[in-house]
Amino acid sequence: ELGAPYAQLGLPDPLGEVLTVMSGWQPSIGVYPRPYVHQADALES
């Protein structure tokens, strides 16, 4: 299951913004637009 986008995880500035920018890079570096639920939970925790 996909979790919320990085910008909606309430991460400290500027993480949400920067991770969102990275997720749009092509070719990808492995940071995808929306993390899985367990990945989002890990970032929030």
PDB file of all heavy atoms in Angstrom:
ATOM      1  N   GLU A   1       0.828  -1.204   0.000  1.00  0.00           N
ATOM      2  CA  GLU A   1       0.000   0.000   0.000  1.00  0.00           C
ATOM      3  C   GLU A   1       0.862   1.253   0.000  1.00  0.00           C
ATOM      4  O   GLU A   1       1.849   1.347   0.722  1.00  0.00           O
ATOM      5  CB  GLU A   1      -0.906  -0.010   1.238  1.00  0.00           C
ATOM      6  CG  GLU A   1      -1.863   1.164   1.303  1.00  0.00           C
ATOM      7  CD  GLU A   1      -2.724   1.139   2.560  1.00  0.00           C
ATOM      8  OE1 GLU A   1      -2.597   0.158   3.339  1.00  0.00           O
ATOM      9  OE2 GLU A   1      -3.494   2.098   2.760  1.00  0.00           O
ATOM     10  N   LEU A   2       0.461   2.198  -0.830  1.00  0.00           N
ATOM     11  CA  LEU A   2       1.175   3.466  -0.899  1.00  0.00           C
ATOM     12  C   LEU A   2       0.758   4.371   0.251  1.00  0.00           C
ATOM     13  O   LEU A   2      -0.418   4.426   0.628  1.00  0.00           O
ATOM     14  CB  LEU A   2       0.903   4.163  -2.231  1.00  0.00           C
ATOM     15  CG  LEU A   2       1.482   3.500  -3.488  1.00  0.00           C
ATOM     16  CD1 LEU A   2       1.015   4.236  -4.741  1.00  0.00           C
ATOM     17  CD2 LEU A   2       3.002   3.484  -3.426  1.00  0.00           C
ATOM     18  N   GLY A   3       1.729   5.090   0.793  1.00  0.00           N
ATOM     19  CA  GLY A   3       1.453   6.035   1.862  1.00  0.00           C
ATOM     20  C   GLY A   3       1.238   7.437   1.317  1.00  0.00           C
ATOM     21  O   GLY A   3       1.122   7.656   0.102  1.00  0.00           O
ATOM     22  N   ALA A   4       1.227   8.402   2.204  1.00  0.00           N
ATOM     23  CA  ALA A   4       1.035   9.799   1.814  1.00  0.00           C
ATOM     24  C   ALA A   4       2.291  10.338   1.148  1.00  0.00           C
ATOM     25  O   ALA A   4       3.396   9.854   1.392  1.00  0.00           O
ATOM     26  CB  ALA A   4       0.697  10.633   3.041  1.00  0.00           C
ATOM     27  N   PRO A   5       2.145  11.342   0.280  1.00  0.00           N
ATOM     28  CA  PRO A   5       3.323  11.982  -0.317  1.00  0.00           C
ATOM     29  C   PRO A   5       4.224  12.581   0.763  1.00  0.00           C
ATOM     30  O   PRO A   5       3.781  12.864   1.881  1.00  0.00           O
ATOM     31  CB  PRO A   5       2.718  13.075  -1.206  1.00  0.00           C
ATOM     32  CG  PRO A   5       1.318  12.631  -1.468  1.00  0.00           C
ATOM     33  CD  PRO A   5       0.886  11.894  -0.230  1.00  0.00           C
ATOM     34  N   TYR A   6       5.482  12.776   0.411  1.00  0.00           N
ATOM     35  CA  TYR A   6       6.458  13.270   1.388  1.00  0.00           C
ATOM     36  C   TYR A   6       6.032  14.598   2.007  1.00  0.00           C
ATOM     37  O   TYR A   6       6.231  14.832   3.204  1.00  0.00           O
ATOM     38  CB  TYR A   6       7.824  13.435   0.718  1.00  0.00           C
ATOM     39  CG  TYR A   6       8.379  12.153   0.162  1.00  0.00           C
ATOM     40  CD1 TYR A   6       8.407  11.935  -1.212  1.00  0.00           C
ATOM     41  CD2 TYR A   6       8.859  11.153   0.997  1.00  0.00           C
ATOM     42  CE1 TYR A   6       8.922  10.748  -1.744  1.00  0.00           C
ATOM     43  CE2 TYR A   6       9.361   9.966   0.489  1.00  0.00           C
ATOM     44  CZ  TYR A   6       9.382   9.777  -0.890  1.00  0.00           C
ATOM     45  OH  TYR A   6       9.872   8.605  -1.418  1.00  0.00           O
ATOM     46  N   ALA A   7       5.439  15.470   1.191  1.00  0.00           N
ATOM     47  CA  ALA A   7       5.069  16.797   1.680  1.00  0.00           C
ATOM     48  C   ALA A   7       3.978  16.739   2.741  1.00  0.00           C
ATOM     49  O   ALA A   7       3.779  17.710   3.478  1.00  0.00           O
ATOM     50  CB  ALA A   7       4.612  17.667   0.507  1.00  0.00           C
ATOM     51  N   GLN A   8       3.267  15.610   2.834  1.00  0.00           N
ATOM     52  CA  GLN A   8       2.167  15.490   3.793  1.00  0.00           C
ATOM     53  C   GLN A   8       2.549  14.694   5.049  1.00  0.00           C
ATOM     54  O   GLN A   8       1.689  14.393   5.871  1.00  0.00           O
ATOM     55  CB  GLN A   8       0.961  14.833   3.111  1.00  0.00           C
ATOM     56  CG  GLN A   8       0.403  15.622   1.947  1.00  0.00           C
ATOM     57  CD  GLN A   8      -0.754  14.918   1.263  1.00  0.00           C
ATOM     58  OE1 GLN A   8      -1.349  13.994   1.811  1.00  0.00           O
ATOM     59  NE2 GLN A   8      -1.095  15.358   0.050  1.00  0.00           N
ATOM     60  N   LEU A   9       3.817  14.350   5.188  1.00  0.00           N
ATOM     61  CA  LEU A   9       4.248  13.543   6.329  1.00  0.00           C
ATOM     62  C   LEU A   9       4.652  14.377   7.533  1.00  0.00           C
ATOM     63  O   LEU A   9       4.965  13.823   8.589  1.00  0.00           O
ATOM     64  CB  LEU A   9       5.423  12.639   5.919  1.00  0.00           C
ATOM     65  CG  LEU A   9       5.132  11.595   4.825  1.00  0.00           C
ATOM     66  CD1 LEU A   9       6.387  10.781   4.515  1.00  0.00           C
ATOM     67  CD2 LEU A   9       3.994  10.680   5.246  1.00  0.00           C
ATOM     68  N   GLY A  10       4.661  15.684   7.382  1.00  0.00           N
ATOM     69  CA  GLY A  10       5.030  16.556   8.495  1.00  0.00           C
ATOM     70  C   GLY A  10       6.486  16.462   8.869  1.00  0.00           C
ATOM     71  O   GLY A  10       6.845  16.652  10.044  1.00  0.00           O
ATOM     72  N   LEU A  11       7.354  16.184   7.901  1.00  0.00           N
ATOM     73  CA  LEU A  11       8.782  16.034   8.180  1.00  0.00           C
ATOM     74  C   LEU A  11       9.420  17.401   8.418  1.00  0.00           C
ATOM     75  O   LEU A  11       8.928  18.423   7.930  1.00  0.00           O
ATOM     76  CB  LEU A  11       9.465  15.340   6.996  1.00  0.00           C
ATOM     77  CG  LEU A  11       8.939  13.952   6.627  1.00  0.00           C
ATOM     78  CD1 LEU A  11       9.632  13.430   5.370  1.00  0.00           C
ATOM     79  CD2 LEU A  11       9.137  12.983   7.784  1.00  0.00           C
ATOM     80  N   PRO A  12      10.524  17.452   9.149  1.00  0.00           N
ATOM     81  CA  PRO A  12      11.199  18.738   9.386  1.00  0.00           C
ATOM     82  C   PRO A  12      11.634  19.372   8.067  1.00  0.00           C
ATOM     83  O   PRO A  12      12.014  18.676   7.122  1.00  0.00           O
ATOM     84  CB  PRO A  12      12.415  18.356  10.237  1.00  0.00           C
ATOM     85  CG  PRO A  12      12.096  17.016  10.808  1.00  0.00           C
ATOM     86  CD  PRO A  12      11.207  16.334   9.827  1.00  0.00           C
ATOM     87  N   ASP A  13      11.570  20.687   8.014  1.00  0.00           N
ATOM     88  CA  ASP A  13      12.044  21.412   6.823  1.00  0.00           C
ATOM     89  C   ASP A  13      13.548  21.212   6.685  1.00  0.00           C
ATOM     90  O   ASP A  13      14.276  21.224   7.686  1.00  0.00           O
ATOM     91  CB  ASP A  13      11.733  22.912   6.952  1.00  0.00           C
ATOM     92  CG  ASP A  13      10.235  23.193   6.868  1.00  0.00           C
ATOM     93  OD1 ASP A  13       9.525  22.377   6.249  1.00  0.00           O
ATOM     94  OD2 ASP A  13       9.793  24.203   7.445  1.00  0.00           O
ATOM     95  N   PRO A  14      14.043  21.022   5.463  1.00  0.00           N
ATOM     96  CA  PRO A  14      13.327  21.033   4.184  1.00  0.00           C
ATOM     97  C   PRO A  14      13.084  19.636   3.619  1.00  0.00           C
ATOM     98  O   PRO A  14      13.021  19.482   2.404  1.00  0.00           O
ATOM     99  CB  PRO A  14      14.313  21.798   3.297  1.00  0.00           C
ATOM    100  CG  PRO A  14      15.660  21.295   3.781  1.00  0.00           C
ATOM    101  CD  PRO A  14      15.506  21.032   5.264  1.00  0.00           C
ATOM    102  N   LEU A  15      12.948  18.605   4.466  1.00  0.00           N
ATOM    103  CA  LEU A  15      12.935  17.231   3.975  1.00  0.00           C
ATOM    104  C   LEU A  15      11.783  16.952   3.024  1.00  0.00           C
ATOM    105  O   LEU A  15      11.975  16.358   1.947  1.00  0.00           O
ATOM    106  CB  LEU A  15      12.878  16.256   5.151  1.00  0.00           C
ATOM    107  CG  LEU A  15      14.095  16.210   6.071  1.00  0.00           C
ATOM    108  CD1 LEU A  15      13.986  15.043   7.027  1.00  0.00           C
ATOM    109  CD2 LEU A  15      15.367  16.111   5.248  1.00  0.00           C
ATOM    110  N   GLY A  16      10.560  17.334   3.415  1.00  0.00           N
ATOM    111  CA  GLY A  16       9.417  17.046   2.562  1.00  0.00           C
ATOM    112  C   GLY A  16       9.570  17.653   1.188  1.00  0.00           C
ATOM    113  O   GLY A  16       9.326  17.001   0.162  1.00  0.00           O
ATOM    114  N   GLU A  17      10.008  18.907   1.151  1.00  0.00           N
ATOM    115  CA  GLU A  17      10.180  19.607  -0.125  1.00  0.00           C
ATOM    116  C   GLU A  17      11.277  18.972  -0.971  1.00  0.00           C
ATOM    117  O   GLU A  17      11.085  18.718  -2.173  1.00  0.00           O
ATOM    118  CB  GLU A  17      10.522  21.077   0.145  1.00  0.00           C
ATOM    119  CG  GLU A  17      10.884  21.868  -1.105  1.00  0.00           C
ATOM    120  CD  GLU A  17      11.475  23.225  -0.769  1.00  0.00           C
ATOM    121  OE1 GLU A  17      11.439  23.624   0.421  1.00  0.00           O
ATOM    122  OE2 GLU A  17      11.999  23.872  -1.693  1.00  0.00           O
ATOM    123  N   VAL A  18      12.418  18.674  -0.361  1.00  0.00           N
ATOM    124  CA  VAL A  18      13.553  18.136  -1.114  1.00  0.00           C
ATOM    125  C   VAL A  18      13.264  16.720  -1.611  1.00  0.00           C
ATOM    126  O   VAL A  18      13.571  16.372  -2.755  1.00  0.00           O
ATOM    127  CB  VAL A  18      14.829  18.161  -0.260  1.00  0.00           C
ATOM    128  CG1 VAL A  18      15.974  17.468  -0.994  1.00  0.00           C
ATOM    129  CG2 VAL A  18      15.214  19.593   0.078  1.00  0.00           C
ATOM    130  N   LEU A  19      12.664  15.872  -0.756  1.00  0.00           N
ATOM    131  CA  LEU A  19      12.327  14.515  -1.191  1.00  0.00           C
ATOM    132  C   LEU A  19      11.312  14.533  -2.330  1.00  0.00           C
ATOM    133  O   LEU A  19      11.370  13.700  -3.240  1.00  0.00           O
ATOM    134  CB  LEU A  19      11.788  13.704  -0.014  1.00  0.00           C
ATOM    135  CG  LEU A  19      12.816  13.305   1.053  1.00  0.00           C
ATOM    136  CD1 LEU A  19      12.133  12.643   2.239  1.00  0.00           C
ATOM    137  CD2 LEU A  19      13.871  12.372   0.469  1.00  0.00           C
ATOM    138  N   THR A  20      10.388  15.493  -2.294  1.00  0.00           N
ATOM    139  CA  THR A  20       9.419  15.632  -3.384  1.00  0.00           C
ATOM    140  C   THR A  20      10.125  15.996  -4.681  1.00  0.00           C
ATOM    141  O   THR A  20       9.813  15.444  -5.751  1.00  0.00           O
ATOM    142  CB  THR A  20       8.371  16.698  -3.040  1.00  0.00           C
ATOM    143  OG1 THR A  20       7.679  16.314  -1.844  1.00  0.00           O
ATOM    144  CG2 THR A  20       7.364  16.858  -4.168  1.00  0.00           C
ATOM    145  N   VAL A  21      11.093  16.891  -4.605  1.00  0.00           N
ATOM    146  CA  VAL A  21      11.866  17.265  -5.796  1.00  0.00           C
ATOM    147  C   VAL A  21      12.628  16.059  -6.336  1.00  0.00           C
ATOM    148  O   VAL A  21      12.618  15.776  -7.539  1.00  0.00           O
ATOM    149  CB  VAL A  21      12.834  18.420  -5.482  1.00  0.00           C
ATOM    150  CG1 VAL A  21      13.786  18.660  -6.650  1.00  0.00           C
ATOM    151  CG2 VAL A  21      12.052  19.692  -5.173  1.00  0.00           C
ATOM    152  N   MET A  22      13.279  15.316  -5.442  1.00  0.00           N
ATOM    153  CA  MET A  22      14.049  14.142  -5.866  1.00  0.00           C
ATOM    154  C   MET A  22      13.167  13.091  -6.524  1.00  0.00           C
ATOM    155  O   MET A  22      13.585  12.398  -7.458  1.00  0.00           O
ATOM    156  CB  MET A  22      14.756  13.516  -4.661  1.00  0.00           C
ATOM    157  CG  MET A  22      15.883  14.334  -4.083  1.00  0.00           C
ATOM    158  SD  MET A  22      16.605  13.449  -2.679  1.00  0.00           S
ATOM    159  CE  MET A  22      17.747  14.689  -2.077  1.00  0.00           C
ATOM    160  N   SER A  23      11.955  12.950  -6.035  1.00  0.00           N
ATOM    161  CA  SER A  23      11.067  11.915  -6.570  1.00  0.00           C
ATOM    162  C   SER A  23      10.681  12.178  -8.016  1.00  0.00           C
ATOM    163  O   SER A  23      10.242  11.264  -8.714  1.00  0.00           O
ATOM    164  CB  SER A  23       9.804  11.818  -5.705  1.00  0.00           C
ATOM    165  OG  SER A  23       8.997  12.980  -5.835  1.00  0.00           O
ATOM    166  N   GLY A  24      10.843  13.413  -8.477  1.00  0.00           N
ATOM    167  CA  GLY A  24      10.507  13.739  -9.859  1.00  0.00           C
ATOM    168  C   GLY A  24      11.674  13.643 -10.825  1.00  0.00           C
ATOM    169  O   GLY A  24      11.502  13.872 -12.020  1.00  0.00           O
ATOM    170  N   TRP A  25      12.850  13.312 -10.325  1.00  0.00           N
ATOM    171  CA  TRP A  25      14.025  13.223 -11.191  1.00  0.00           C
ATOM    172  C   TRP A  25      13.921  12.028 -12.133  1.00  0.00           C
ATOM    173  O   TRP A  25      13.476  10.940 -11.747  1.00  0.00           O
ATOM    174  CB  TRP A  25      15.296  13.092 -10.355  1.00  0.00           C
ATOM    175  CG  TRP A  25      15.703  14.358  -9.672  1.00  0.00           C
ATOM    176  CD1 TRP A  25      15.196  15.605  -9.876  1.00  0.00           C
ATOM    177  CD2 TRP A  25      16.703  14.493  -8.659  1.00  0.00           C
ATOM    178  NE1 TRP A  25      15.810  16.516  -9.055  1.00  0.00           N
ATOM    179  CE2 TRP A  25      16.744  15.864  -8.297  1.00  0.00           C
ATOM    180  CE3 TRP A  25      17.561  13.605  -8.023  1.00  0.00           C
ATOM    181  CZ2 TRP A  25      17.617  16.359  -7.336  1.00  0.00           C
ATOM    182  CZ3 TRP A  25      18.428  14.088  -7.059  1.00  0.00           C
ATOM    183  CH2 TRP A  25      18.460  15.452  -6.723  1.00  0.00           C
ATOM    184  N   GLN A  26      14.312  12.261 -13.373  1.00  0.00           N
ATOM    185  CA  GLN A  26      14.401  11.187 -14.366  1.00  0.00           C
ATOM    186  C   GLN A  26      15.762  11.244 -15.044  1.00  0.00           C
ATOM    187  O   GLN A  26      16.152  12.294 -15.531  1.00  0.00           O
ATOM    188  CB  GLN A  26      13.288  11.329 -15.418  1.00  0.00           C
ATOM    189  CG  GLN A  26      11.888  11.107 -14.870  1.00  0.00           C
ATOM    190  CD  GLN A  26      11.680   9.716 -14.327  1.00  0.00           C
ATOM    191  OE1 GLN A  26      12.282   8.753 -14.818  1.00  0.00           O
ATOM    192  NE2 GLN A  26      10.838   9.590 -13.302  1.00  0.00           N
ATOM    193  N   PRO A  27      16.512  10.141 -15.075  1.00  0.00           N
ATOM    194  CA  PRO A  27      16.172   8.851 -14.495  1.00  0.00           C
ATOM    195  C   PRO A  27      16.139   8.895 -12.973  1.00  0.00           C
ATOM    196  O   PRO A  27      16.812   9.702 -12.348  1.00  0.00           O
ATOM    197  CB  PRO A  27      17.282   7.936 -15.002  1.00  0.00           C
ATOM    198  CG  PRO A  27      18.436   8.846 -15.259  1.00  0.00           C
ATOM    199  CD  PRO A  27      17.843  10.132 -15.736  1.00  0.00           C
ATOM    200  N   SER A  28      15.351   7.992 -12.401  1.00  0.00           N
ATOM    201  CA  SER A  28      15.124   7.992 -10.959  1.00  0.00           C
ATOM    202  C   SER A  28      16.366   7.534 -10.195  1.00  0.00           C
ATOM    203  O   SER A  28      17.156   6.732 -10.692  1.00  0.00           O
ATOM    204  CB  SER A  28      13.945   7.074 -10.626  1.00  0.00           C
ATOM    205  OG  SER A  28      13.784   6.939  -9.229  1.00  0.00           O
ATOM    206  N   ILE A  29      16.510   8.044  -8.974  1.00  0.00           N
ATOM    207  CA  ILE A  29      17.583   7.576  -8.090  1.00  0.00           C
ATOM    208  C   ILE A  29      17.026   6.648  -7.016  1.00  0.00           C
ATOM    209  O   ILE A  29      17.721   6.292  -6.070  1.00  0.00           O
ATOM    210  CB  ILE A  29      18.337   8.748  -7.433  1.00  0.00           C
ATOM    211  CG1 ILE A  29      17.402   9.581  -6.564  1.00  0.00           C
ATOM    212  CG2 ILE A  29      19.031   9.597  -8.474  1.00  0.00           C
ATOM    213  CD1 ILE A  29      18.123  10.633  -5.740  1.00  0.00           C
ATOM    214  N   GLY A  30      15.757   6.256  -7.157  1.00  0.00           N
ATOM    215  CA  GLY A  30      15.146   5.343  -6.198  1.00  0.00           C
ATOM    216  C   GLY A  30      14.282   6.020  -5.161  1.00  0.00           C
ATOM    217  O   GLY A  30      13.783   5.360  -4.248  1.00  0.00           O
ATOM    218  N   VAL A  31      14.080   7.341  -5.294  1.00  0.00           N
ATOM    219  CA  VAL A  31      13.146   8.062  -4.434  1.00  0.00           C
ATOM    220  C   VAL A  31      11.885   8.282  -5.257  1.00  0.00           C
ATOM    221  O   VAL A  31      11.872   9.096  -6.182  1.00  0.00           O
ATOM    222  CB  VAL A  31      13.729   9.409  -3.958  1.00  0.00           C
ATOM    223  CG1 VAL A  31      12.712  10.153  -3.081  1.00  0.00           C
ATOM    224  CG2 VAL A  31      15.012   9.183  -3.175  1.00  0.00           C
ATOM    225  N   TYR A  32      10.820   7.543  -4.932  1.00  0.00           N
ATOM    226  CA  TYR A  32       9.615   7.546  -5.759  1.00  0.00           C
ATOM    227  C   TYR A  32       8.597   8.557  -5.234  1.00  0.00           C
ATOM    228  O   TYR A  32       8.647   8.965  -4.056  1.00  0.00           O
ATOM    229  CB  TYR A  32       9.028   6.142  -5.804  1.00  0.00           C
ATOM    230  CG  TYR A  32       9.996   5.137  -6.390  1.00  0.00           C
ATOM    231  CD1 TYR A  32      10.680   4.237  -5.573  1.00  0.00           C
ATOM    232  CD2 TYR A  32      10.276   5.137  -7.753  1.00  0.00           C
ATOM    233  CE1 TYR A  32      11.598   3.334  -6.110  1.00  0.00           C
ATOM    234  CE2 TYR A  32      11.195   4.244  -8.295  1.00  0.00           C
ATOM    235  CZ  TYR A  32      11.842   3.350  -7.463  1.00  0.00           C
ATOM    236  OH  TYR A  32      12.753   2.479  -7.998  1.00  0.00           O
ATOM    237  N   PRO A  33       7.653   8.987  -6.095  1.00  0.00           N
ATOM    238  CA  PRO A  33       6.727  10.058  -5.704  1.00  0.00           C
ATOM    239  C   PRO A  33       5.977   9.808  -4.402  1.00  0.00           C
ATOM    240  O   PRO A  33       5.749  10.721  -3.622  1.00  0.00           O
ATOM    241  CB  PRO A  33       5.770  10.144  -6.899  1.00  0.00           C
ATOM    242  CG  PRO A  33       6.578   9.659  -8.058  1.00  0.00           C
ATOM    243  CD  PRO A  33       7.477   8.597  -7.502  1.00  0.00           C
ATOM    244  N   ARG A  34       5.586   8.543  -4.176  1.00  0.00           N
ATOM    245  CA  ARG A  34       4.895   8.222  -2.928  1.00  0.00           C
ATOM    246  C   ARG A  34       5.534   6.984  -2.305  1.00  0.00           C
ATOM    247  O   ARG A  34       5.658   5.951  -2.965  1.00  0.00           O
ATOM    248  CB  ARG A  34       3.404   7.970  -3.179  1.00  0.00           C
ATOM    249  CG  ARG A  34       2.619   9.210  -3.539  1.00  0.00           C
ATOM    250  CD  ARG A  34       1.159   8.872  -3.785  1.00  0.00           C
ATOM    251  NE  ARG A  34       0.508   8.296  -2.603  1.00  0.00           N
ATOM    252  CZ  ARG A  34      -0.746   7.834  -2.606  1.00  0.00           C
ATOM    253  NH1 ARG A  34      -1.458   7.883  -3.722  1.00  0.00           N
ATOM    254  NH2 ARG A  34      -1.266   7.331  -1.503  1.00  0.00           N
ATOM    255  N   PRO A  35       5.951   7.067  -1.071  1.00  0.00           N
ATOM    256  CA  PRO A  35       6.538   5.891  -0.419  1.00  0.00           C
ATOM    257  C   PRO A  35       5.456   4.891  -0.045  1.00  0.00           C
ATOM    258  O   PRO A  35       4.267   5.231   0.048  1.00  0.00           O
ATOM    259  CB  PRO A  35       7.196   6.488   0.825  1.00  0.00           C
ATOM    260  CG  PRO A  35       6.347   7.675   1.153  1.00  0.00           C
ATOM    261  CD  PRO A  35       5.898   8.233  -0.166  1.00  0.00           C
ATOM    262  N   TYR A  36       5.867   3.640   0.178  1.00  0.00           N
ATOM    263  CA  TYR A  36       4.942   2.669   0.743  1.00  0.00           C
ATOM    264  C   TYR A  36       4.603   3.082   2.181  1.00  0.00           C
ATOM    265  O   TYR A  36       5.321   3.876   2.805  1.00  0.00           O
ATOM    266  CB  TYR A  36       5.548   1.275   0.746  1.00  0.00           C
ATOM    267  CG  TYR A  36       5.711   0.662  -0.629  1.00  0.00           C
ATOM    268  CD1 TYR A  36       6.910   0.082  -1.012  1.00  0.00           C
ATOM    269  CD2 TYR A  36       4.654   0.653  -1.542  1.00  0.00           C
ATOM    270  CE1 TYR A  36       7.070  -0.495  -2.269  1.00  0.00           C
ATOM    271  CE2 TYR A  36       4.801   0.086  -2.804  1.00  0.00           C
ATOM    272  CZ  TYR A  36       6.012  -0.482  -3.164  1.00  0.00           C
ATOM    273  OH  TYR A  36       6.155  -1.043  -4.396  1.00  0.00           O
ATOM    274  N   VAL A  37       3.523   2.511   2.690  1.00  0.00           N
ATOM    275  CA  VAL A  37       3.077   2.867   4.039  1.00  0.00           C
ATOM    276  C   VAL A  37       4.180   2.627   5.069  1.00  0.00           C
ATOM    277  O   VAL A  37       4.436   3.469   5.938  1.00  0.00           O
ATOM    278  CB  VAL A  37       1.807   2.079   4.421  1.00  0.00           C
ATOM    279  CG1 VAL A  37       1.503   2.224   5.909  1.00  0.00           C
ATOM    280  CG2 VAL A  37       0.607   2.569   3.609  1.00  0.00           C
ATOM    281  N   HIS A  38       4.861   1.467   4.976  1.00  0.00           N
ATOM    282  CA  HIS A  38       5.896   1.185   5.977  1.00  0.00           C
ATOM    283  C   HIS A  38       7.101   2.114   5.819  1.00  0.00           C
ATOM    284  O   HIS A  38       7.772   2.430   6.798  1.00  0.00           O
ATOM    285  CB  HIS A  38       6.332  -0.284   5.903  1.00  0.00           C
ATOM    286  CG  HIS A  38       6.839  -0.735   4.579  1.00  0.00           C
ATOM    287  ND1 HIS A  38       6.005  -1.159   3.570  1.00  0.00           N
ATOM    288  CD2 HIS A  38       8.094  -0.836   4.086  1.00  0.00           C
ATOM    289  CE1 HIS A  38       6.719  -1.510   2.520  1.00  0.00           C
ATOM    290  NE2 HIS A  38       7.987  -1.314   2.807  1.00  0.00           N
ATOM    291  N   GLN A  39       7.369   2.587   4.585  1.00  0.00           N
ATOM    292  CA  GLN A  39       8.445   3.558   4.394  1.00  0.00           C
ATOM    293  C   GLN A  39       8.063   4.920   4.973  1.00  0.00           C
ATOM    294  O   GLN A  39       8.882   5.590   5.605  1.00  0.00           O
ATOM    295  CB  GLN A  39       8.767   3.678   2.904  1.00  0.00           C
ATOM    296  CG  GLN A  39       9.335   2.409   2.289  1.00  0.00           C
ATOM    297  CD  GLN A  39       9.448   2.496   0.787  1.00  0.00           C
ATOM    298  OE1 GLN A  39       8.793   3.329   0.144  1.00  0.00           O
ATOM    299  NE2 GLN A  39      10.264   1.637   0.196  1.00  0.00           N
ATOM    300  N   ALA A  40       6.810   5.316   4.741  1.00  0.00           N
ATOM    301  CA  ALA A  40       6.324   6.579   5.307  1.00  0.00           C
ATOM    302  C   ALA A  40       6.309   6.519   6.837  1.00  0.00           C
ATOM    303  O   ALA A  40       6.694   7.481   7.514  1.00  0.00           O
ATOM    304  CB  ALA A  40       4.925   6.888   4.772  1.00  0.00           C
ATOM    305  N   ASP A  41       5.878   5.362   7.381  1.00  0.00           N
ATOM    306  CA  ASP A  41       5.874   5.201   8.841  1.00  0.00           C
ATOM    307  C   ASP A  41       7.294   5.311   9.407  1.00  0.00           C
ATOM    308  O   ASP A  41       7.500   5.881  10.487  1.00  0.00           O
ATOM    309  CB  ASP A  41       5.272   3.851   9.223  1.00  0.00           C
ATOM    310  CG  ASP A  41       3.762   3.803   9.002  1.00  0.00           C
ATOM    311  OD1 ASP A  41       3.162   4.879   8.828  1.00  0.00           O
ATOM    312  OD2 ASP A  41       3.211   2.683   8.985  1.00  0.00           O
ATOM    313  N   ALA A  42       8.263   4.742   8.675  1.00  0.00           N
ATOM    314  CA  ALA A  42       9.647   4.809   9.134  1.00  0.00           C
ATOM    315  C   ALA A  42      10.139   6.249   9.173  1.00  0.00           C
ATOM    316  O   ALA A  42      10.794   6.670  10.145  1.00  0.00           O
ATOM    317  CB  ALA A  42      10.540   3.964   8.215  1.00  0.00           C
ATOM    318  N   LEU A  43       9.832   7.026   8.141  1.00  0.00           N
ATOM    319  CA  LEU A  43      10.250   8.432   8.112  1.00  0.00           C
ATOM    320  C   LEU A  43       9.600   9.226   9.249  1.00  0.00           C
ATOM    321  O   LEU A  43      10.269  10.011   9.932  1.00  0.00           O
ATOM    322  CB  LEU A  43       9.888   9.052   6.765  1.00  0.00           C
ATOM    323  CG  LEU A  43      10.759   8.645   5.572  1.00  0.00           C
ATOM    324  CD1 LEU A  43      10.122   9.099   4.261  1.00  0.00           C
ATOM    325  CD2 LEU A  43      12.161   9.225   5.703  1.00  0.00           C
ATOM    326  N   GLU A  44       8.304   9.011   9.461  1.00  0.00           N
ATOM    327  CA  GLU A  44       7.605   9.746  10.518  1.00  0.00           C
ATOM    328  C   GLU A  44       8.114   9.341  11.900  1.00  0.00           C
ATOM    329  O   GLU A  44       8.323  10.201  12.768  1.00  0.00           O
ATOM    330  CB  GLU A  44       6.100   9.488  10.413  1.00  0.00           C
ATOM    331  CG  GLU A  44       5.455  10.134   9.193  1.00  0.00           C
ATOM    332  CD  GLU A  44       3.973   9.836   9.111  1.00  0.00           C
ATOM    333  OE1 GLU A  44       3.583   8.655   9.247  1.00  0.00           O
ATOM    334  OE2 GLU A  44       3.185  10.797   8.909  1.00  0.00           O
ATOM    335  N   SER A  45       8.313   8.052  12.110  1.00  0.00           N
ATOM    336  CA  SER A  45       8.785   7.588  13.416  1.00  0.00           C
ATOM    337  C   SER A  45      10.182   8.092  13.711  1.00  0.00           C
ATOM    338  O   SER A  45      10.498   8.469  14.846  1.00  0.00           O
ATOM    339  CB  SER A  45       8.759   6.051  13.463  1.00  0.00           C
ATOM    340  OG  SER A  45       7.446   5.558  13.338  1.00  0.00           O
TER     341      SER A  45
END
